[in-house]
Amino acid sequence: TSKACALGTILDSYLNPTKGPIANLIVQDGTLQTGDLLVSGNTVSKIRAIIDNKNNQVEYTGPSSVVEILGLSNILCSGDSFYVIKNDKFIKKELYQKNKNVKHSSIYNKFTSSYFYFNSNNQSYDENNKYINLILKTETQSSIDALLKAFNDIPQKKVRLNIMSIAIGQITINDIKFASVS
């Protein structure tokens, strides 16, 4: 019996220090299997493991299932759709062309237009305004979305936020060095 390729939505994604990038997703159509090639945004990943809502590892899952996926090559964006492909030759070529034109990650692109007020390349710096330099580090991509939405909802006429860096994962020594020189 042939099973249709899965389609669905990424609910959340985070970086586990020992297991790597992990995503929670909902399968909306088709069957998702261990070993499938999952495509979301500019990322293609081979699924190493599927964990169901009872924390059991399963070989496959069908529609209306919320599962955790291990084996991702990158952290995925919450709310993005995903699909499964059987042949990776075509998709690798297509994603290579897409990635050549992408300057920054999708997370960076989400906040630059609304939140990034000053840097050495931006002439909008005003000495009369006060600036708060921020370096954001969160456990999940959805936390970044929530923080950026909250920042957007705060009136910022007297103080401007200068988001220096935003990333998912644990704070590293490089983060601390960056903060000390900022």
C-alpha atoms as a PDB file:
ATOM      1  CA  THR A   1       0.000   0.000   0.000  1.00  0.00           C
ATOM      2  CA  SER A   2       1.402   3.360  -1.050  1.00  0.00           C
ATOM      3  CA  LYS A   3       1.068   6.157   1.511  1.00  0.00           C
ATOM      4  CA  ALA A   4       0.623   9.785   0.453  1.00  0.00           C
ATOM      5  CA  CYS A   5       3.421  12.210   1.338  1.00  0.00           C
ATOM      6  CA  ALA A   6       2.724  14.252   4.451  1.00  0.00           C
ATOM      7  CA  LEU A   7       1.798  17.932   4.552  1.00  0.00           C
ATOM      8  CA  GLY A   8       1.373  20.021   7.678  1.00  0.00           C
ATOM      9  CA  THR A   9       2.389  22.971   9.844  1.00  0.00           C
ATOM     10  CA  ILE A  10       5.329  23.610  12.154  1.00  0.00           C
ATOM     11  CA  LEU A  11       3.990  24.419  15.628  1.00  0.00           C
ATOM     12  CA  ASP A  12       7.320  25.170  17.304  1.00  0.00           C
ATOM     13  CA  SER A  13      11.002  24.476  16.935  1.00  0.00           C
ATOM     14  CA  TYR A  14      13.918  24.632  19.333  1.00  0.00           C
ATOM     15  CA  LEU A  15      17.513  23.577  19.793  1.00  0.00           C
ATOM     16  CA  ASN A  16      18.095  20.710  22.197  1.00  0.00           C
ATOM     17  CA  PRO A  17      21.754  20.720  23.343  1.00  0.00           C
ATOM     18  CA  THR A  18      22.101  16.944  23.003  1.00  0.00           C
ATOM     19  CA  LYS A  19      19.626  16.065  20.222  1.00  0.00           C
ATOM     20  CA  GLY A  20      20.027  19.112  17.966  1.00  0.00           C
ATOM     21  CA  PRO A  21      17.166  20.994  16.306  1.00  0.00           C
ATOM     22  CA  ILE A  22      13.723  19.585  17.136  1.00  0.00           C
ATOM     23  CA  ALA A  23      10.300  20.569  15.800  1.00  0.00           C
ATOM     24  CA  ASN A  24       6.777  19.996  17.037  1.00  0.00           C
ATOM     25  CA  LEU A  25       4.412  19.794  14.107  1.00  0.00           C
ATOM     26  CA  ILE A  26       0.927  18.768  13.092  1.00  0.00           C
ATOM     27  CA  VAL A  27       0.411  16.428  10.164  1.00  0.00           C
ATOM     28  CA  GLN A  28      -2.609  17.670   8.218  1.00  0.00           C
ATOM     29  CA  ASP A  29      -2.566  15.257   5.301  1.00  0.00           C
ATOM     30  CA  GLY A  30      -0.718  12.108   4.298  1.00  0.00           C
ATOM     31  CA  THR A  31       1.669   9.940   6.277  1.00  0.00           C
ATOM     32  CA  LEU A  32       4.931  11.092   7.855  1.00  0.00           C
ATOM     33  CA  GLN A  33       7.564   8.351   8.234  1.00  0.00           C
ATOM     34  CA  THR A  34      11.002   8.002   9.750  1.00  0.00           C
ATOM     35  CA  GLY A  35      13.510   8.487   6.927  1.00  0.00           C
ATOM     36  CA  ASP A  36      11.288  10.909   4.960  1.00  0.00           C
ATOM     37  CA  LEU A  37      12.786  14.118   3.591  1.00  0.00           C
ATOM     38  CA  LEU A  38      10.929  17.010   5.219  1.00  0.00           C
ATOM     39  CA  VAL A  39      10.997  20.420   3.516  1.00  0.00           C
ATOM     40  CA  SER A  40      10.088  23.647   5.321  1.00  0.00           C
ATOM     41  CA  GLY A  41      11.195  27.052   4.090  1.00  0.00           C
ATOM     42  CA  ASN A  42      14.782  26.694   2.864  1.00  0.00           C
ATOM     43  CA  THR A  43      15.494  23.632   4.989  1.00  0.00           C
ATOM     44  CA  VAL A  44      15.521  19.976   3.938  1.00  0.00           C
ATOM     45  CA  SER A  45      15.934  17.406   6.698  1.00  0.00           C
ATOM     46  CA  LYS A  46      15.891  13.633   6.882  1.00  0.00           C
ATOM     47  CA  ILE A  47      13.650  12.580   9.762  1.00  0.00           C
ATOM     48  CA  ARG A  48      15.631  10.429  12.223  1.00  0.00           C
ATOM     49  CA  ALA A  49      12.858   9.923  14.774  1.00  0.00           C
ATOM     50  CA  ILE A  50       9.168  10.678  15.347  1.00  0.00           C
ATOM     51  CA  ILE A  51       7.922  11.013  18.928  1.00  0.00           C
ATOM     52  CA  ASP A  52       4.160  10.894  19.503  1.00  0.00           C
ATOM     53  CA  ASN A  53       2.120  12.754  22.148  1.00  0.00           C
ATOM     54  CA  LYS A  54       2.642   9.871  24.615  1.00  0.00           C
ATOM     55  CA  ASN A  55       6.431  10.265  24.282  1.00  0.00           C
ATOM     56  CA  ASN A  56       6.759   6.988  22.340  1.00  0.00           C
ATOM     57  CA  GLN A  57       9.002   6.698  19.305  1.00  0.00           C
ATOM     58  CA  VAL A  58       6.925   5.655  16.274  1.00  0.00           C
ATOM     59  CA  GLU A  59       7.851   4.738  12.690  1.00  0.00           C
ATOM     60  CA  TYR A  60       5.044   6.731  11.059  1.00  0.00           C
ATOM     61  CA  THR A  61       2.116   9.002  11.850  1.00  0.00           C
ATOM     62  CA  GLY A  62      -0.972  10.120   9.976  1.00  0.00           C
ATOM     63  CA  PRO A  63      -3.292  13.136   9.684  1.00  0.00           C
ATOM     64  CA  SER A  64      -4.306  15.101  12.797  1.00  0.00           C
ATOM     65  CA  SER A  65      -1.201  13.912  14.636  1.00  0.00           C
ATOM     66  CA  VAL A  66       0.922  16.295  16.692  1.00  0.00           C
ATOM     67  CA  VAL A  67       4.446  14.895  16.892  1.00  0.00           C
ATOM     68  CA  GLU A  68       8.015  15.830  17.719  1.00  0.00           C
ATOM     69  CA  ILE A  69      10.583  15.384  14.940  1.00  0.00           C
ATOM     70  CA  LEU A  70      14.307  14.752  15.423  1.00  0.00           C
ATOM     71  CA  GLY A  71      16.978  14.882  12.739  1.00  0.00           C
ATOM     72  CA  LEU A  72      16.447  18.419  11.497  1.00  0.00           C
ATOM     73  CA  SER A  73      19.300  20.226   9.801  1.00  0.00           C
ATOM     74  CA  ASN A  74      18.133  23.596  11.152  1.00  0.00           C
ATOM     75  CA  ILE A  75      15.595  25.194  13.495  1.00  0.00           C
ATOM     76  CA  LEU A  76      12.312  25.669  11.618  1.00  0.00           C
ATOM     77  CA  CYS A  77       9.995  28.694  11.777  1.00  0.00           C
ATOM     78  CA  SER A  78       6.775  28.353  13.766  1.00  0.00           C
ATOM     79  CA  GLY A  79       3.708  28.616  11.562  1.00  0.00           C
ATOM     80  CA  ASP A  80       5.525  27.599   8.384  1.00  0.00           C
ATOM     81  CA  SER A  81       4.139  24.729   6.368  1.00  0.00           C
ATOM     82  CA  PHE A  82       6.077  21.586   5.573  1.00  0.00           C
ATOM     83  CA  TYR A  83       5.846  18.839   2.995  1.00  0.00           C
ATOM     84  CA  VAL A  84       7.601  15.549   2.375  1.00  0.00           C
ATOM     85  CA  ILE A  85       9.432  14.637  -0.803  1.00  0.00           C
ATOM     86  CA  LYS A  86      10.679  11.279  -2.015  1.00  0.00           C
ATOM     87  CA  ASN A  87      13.393  12.458  -4.441  1.00  0.00           C
ATOM     88  CA  ASP A  88      15.940  14.883  -3.012  1.00  0.00           C
ATOM     89  CA  LYS A  89      17.844  15.714  -6.228  1.00  0.00           C
ATOM     90  CA  PHE A  90      15.279  18.229  -7.521  1.00  0.00           C
ATOM     91  CA  ILE A  91      14.678  19.903  -4.182  1.00  0.00           C
ATOM     92  CA  LYS A  92      18.390  20.314  -3.370  1.00  0.00           C
ATOM     93  CA  LYS A  93      18.911  22.152  -6.655  1.00  0.00           C
ATOM     94  CA  GLU A  94      15.871  24.361  -6.068  1.00  0.00           C
ATOM     95  CA  LEU A  95      16.895  25.199  -2.476  1.00  0.00           C
ATOM     96  CA  TYR A  96      20.471  25.910  -3.534  1.00  0.00           C
ATOM     97  CA  GLN A  97      19.164  28.576  -5.932  1.00  0.00           C
ATOM     98  CA  LYS A  98      16.864  29.994  -3.223  1.00  0.00           C
ATOM     99  CA  ASN A  99      19.645  30.088  -0.625  1.00  0.00           C
ATOM    100  CA  LYS A 100      22.018  31.922  -2.955  1.00  0.00           C
ATOM    101  CA  ASN A 101      19.569  34.847  -2.882  1.00  0.00           C
ATOM    102  CA  VAL A 102      18.887  34.793   0.882  1.00  0.00           C
ATOM    103  CA  LYS A 103      21.123  37.225   2.741  1.00  0.00           C
ATOM    104  CA  HIS A 104      19.886  36.596   6.292  1.00  0.00           C
ATOM    105  CA  SER A 105      17.850  34.008   8.125  1.00  0.00           C
ATOM    106  CA  SER A 106      14.076  34.316   8.185  1.00  0.00           C
ATOM    107  CA  ILE A 107      14.217  35.175  11.890  1.00  0.00           C
ATOM    108  CA  TYR A 108      16.511  38.121  11.139  1.00  0.00           C
ATOM    109  CA  ASN A 109      14.257  39.279   8.295  1.00  0.00           C
ATOM    110  CA  LYS A 110      11.210  39.194  10.580  1.00  0.00           C
ATOM    111  CA  PHE A 111      12.591  41.806  12.943  1.00  0.00           C
ATOM    112  CA  THR A 112      14.901  44.035  10.936  1.00  0.00           C
ATOM    113  CA  SER A 113      12.241  46.256   9.414  1.00  0.00           C
ATOM    114  CA  SER A 114      10.360  46.871  12.668  1.00  0.00           C
ATOM    115  CA  TYR A 115      12.878  46.576  15.463  1.00  0.00           C
ATOM    116  CA  PHE A 116      16.405  47.236  14.320  1.00  0.00           C
ATOM    117  CA  TYR A 117      16.803  50.983  14.663  1.00  0.00           C
ATOM    118  CA  PHE A 118      20.487  51.645  14.527  1.00  0.00           C
ATOM    119  CA  ASN A 119      23.648  50.019  13.411  1.00  0.00           C
ATOM    120  CA  SER A 120      26.780  51.201  11.668  1.00  0.00           C
ATOM    121  CA  ASN A 121      25.078  50.896   8.261  1.00  0.00           C
ATOM    122  CA  ASN A 122      21.881  52.706   9.260  1.00  0.00           C
ATOM    123  CA  GLN A 123      21.702  56.500   9.146  1.00  0.00           C
ATOM    124  CA  SER A 124      18.560  56.766  11.309  1.00  0.00           C
ATOM    125  CA  TYR A 125      20.585  57.265  14.501  1.00  0.00           C
ATOM    126  CA  ASP A 126      19.427  60.345  16.423  1.00  0.00           C
ATOM    127  CA  GLU A 127      21.603  61.597  19.294  1.00  0.00           C
ATOM    128  CA  ASN A 128      18.500  63.046  21.015  1.00  0.00           C
ATOM    129  CA  ASN A 129      16.970  59.585  21.415  1.00  0.00           C
ATOM    130  CA  LYS A 130      18.070  57.029  23.971  1.00  0.00           C
ATOM    131  CA  TYR A 131      18.932  53.589  22.682  1.00  0.00           C
ATOM    132  CA  ILE A 132      18.858  50.231  24.434  1.00  0.00           C
ATOM    133  CA  ASN A 133      21.084  47.609  22.885  1.00  0.00           C
ATOM    134  CA  LEU A 134      19.531  44.131  23.115  1.00  0.00           C
ATOM    135  CA  ILE A 135      20.952  40.715  22.500  1.00  0.00           C
ATOM    136  CA  LEU A 136      18.156  38.135  22.503  1.00  0.00           C
ATOM    137  CA  LYS A 137      18.721  34.432  23.063  1.00  0.00           C
ATOM    138  CA  THR A 138      15.701  32.139  23.491  1.00  0.00           C
ATOM    139  CA  GLU A 139      14.984  28.441  23.706  1.00  0.00           C
ATOM    140  CA  THR A 140      12.395  28.372  20.904  1.00  0.00           C
ATOM    141  CA  GLN A 141      11.563  30.211  17.728  1.00  0.00           C
ATOM    142  CA  SER A 142       8.060  30.935  19.010  1.00  0.00           C
ATOM    143  CA  SER A 143       9.601  32.782  21.983  1.00  0.00           C
ATOM    144  CA  ILE A 144      11.368  35.057  19.528  1.00  0.00           C
ATOM    145  CA  ASP A 145       8.067  35.725  17.763  1.00  0.00           C
ATOM    146  CA  ALA A 146       6.370  36.541  21.081  1.00  0.00           C
ATOM    147  CA  LEU A 147       9.175  38.880  22.186  1.00  0.00           C
ATOM    148  CA  LEU A 148       9.232  40.722  18.873  1.00  0.00           C
ATOM    149  CA  LYS A 149       5.455  41.145  18.961  1.00  0.00           C
ATOM    150  CA  ALA A 150       5.674  42.466  22.529  1.00  0.00           C
ATOM    151  CA  PHE A 151       8.415  44.915  21.522  1.00  0.00           C
ATOM    152  CA  ASN A 152       6.278  46.056  18.611  1.00  0.00           C
ATOM    153  CA  ASP A 153       3.350  46.751  20.960  1.00  0.00           C
ATOM    154  CA  ILE A 154       5.420  48.979  23.276  1.00  0.00           C
ATOM    155  CA  PRO A 155       5.352  52.678  22.288  1.00  0.00           C
ATOM    156  CA  GLN A 156       8.960  53.602  21.558  1.00  0.00           C
ATOM    157  CA  LYS A 157       9.082  57.349  21.081  1.00  0.00           C
ATOM    158  CA  LYS A 158      11.612  58.208  23.800  1.00  0.00           C
ATOM    159  CA  VAL A 159      13.683  55.038  23.774  1.00  0.00           C
ATOM    160  CA  ARG A 160      14.583  53.053  20.693  1.00  0.00           C
ATOM    161  CA  LEU A 161      15.450  49.367  20.729  1.00  0.00           C
ATOM    162  CA  ASN A 162      18.597  48.335  18.928  1.00  0.00           C
ATOM    163  CA  ILE A 163      18.483  44.555  18.563  1.00  0.00           C
ATOM    164  CA  MET A 164      22.105  43.617  18.062  1.00  0.00           C
ATOM    165  CA  SER A 165      21.624  39.876  17.762  1.00  0.00           C
ATOM    166  CA  ILE A 166      18.853  37.316  17.960  1.00  0.00           C
ATOM    167  CA  ALA A 167      19.288  33.566  18.105  1.00  0.00           C
ATOM    168  CA  ILE A 168      17.951  30.297  19.431  1.00  0.00           C
ATOM    169  CA  GLY A 169      19.978  28.190  21.815  1.00  0.00           C
ATOM    170  CA  GLN A 170      22.024  28.479  24.966  1.00  0.00           C
ATOM    171  CA  ILE A 171      24.062  31.544  25.838  1.00  0.00           C
ATOM    172  CA  THR A 172      27.670  31.023  24.818  1.00  0.00           C
ATOM    173  CA  ILE A 173      30.935  32.716  25.693  1.00  0.00           C
ATOM    174  CA  ASN A 174      30.777  34.441  22.286  1.00  0.00           C
ATOM    175  CA  ASP A 175      27.410  35.971  23.258  1.00  0.00           C
ATOM    176  CA  ILE A 176      28.964  37.351  26.425  1.00  0.00           C
ATOM    177  CA  LYS A 177      31.966  38.741  24.516  1.00  0.00           C
ATOM    178  CA  PHE A 178      29.623  40.348  21.975  1.00  0.00           C
ATOM    179  CA  ALA A 179      27.556  41.920  24.747  1.00  0.00           C
ATOM    180  CA  SER A 180      30.647  43.310  26.468  1.00  0.00           C
ATOM    181  CA  VAL A 181      31.825  45.133  23.332  1.00  0.00           C
ATOM    182  CA  SER A 182      28.368  46.382  22.282  1.00  0.00           C
END
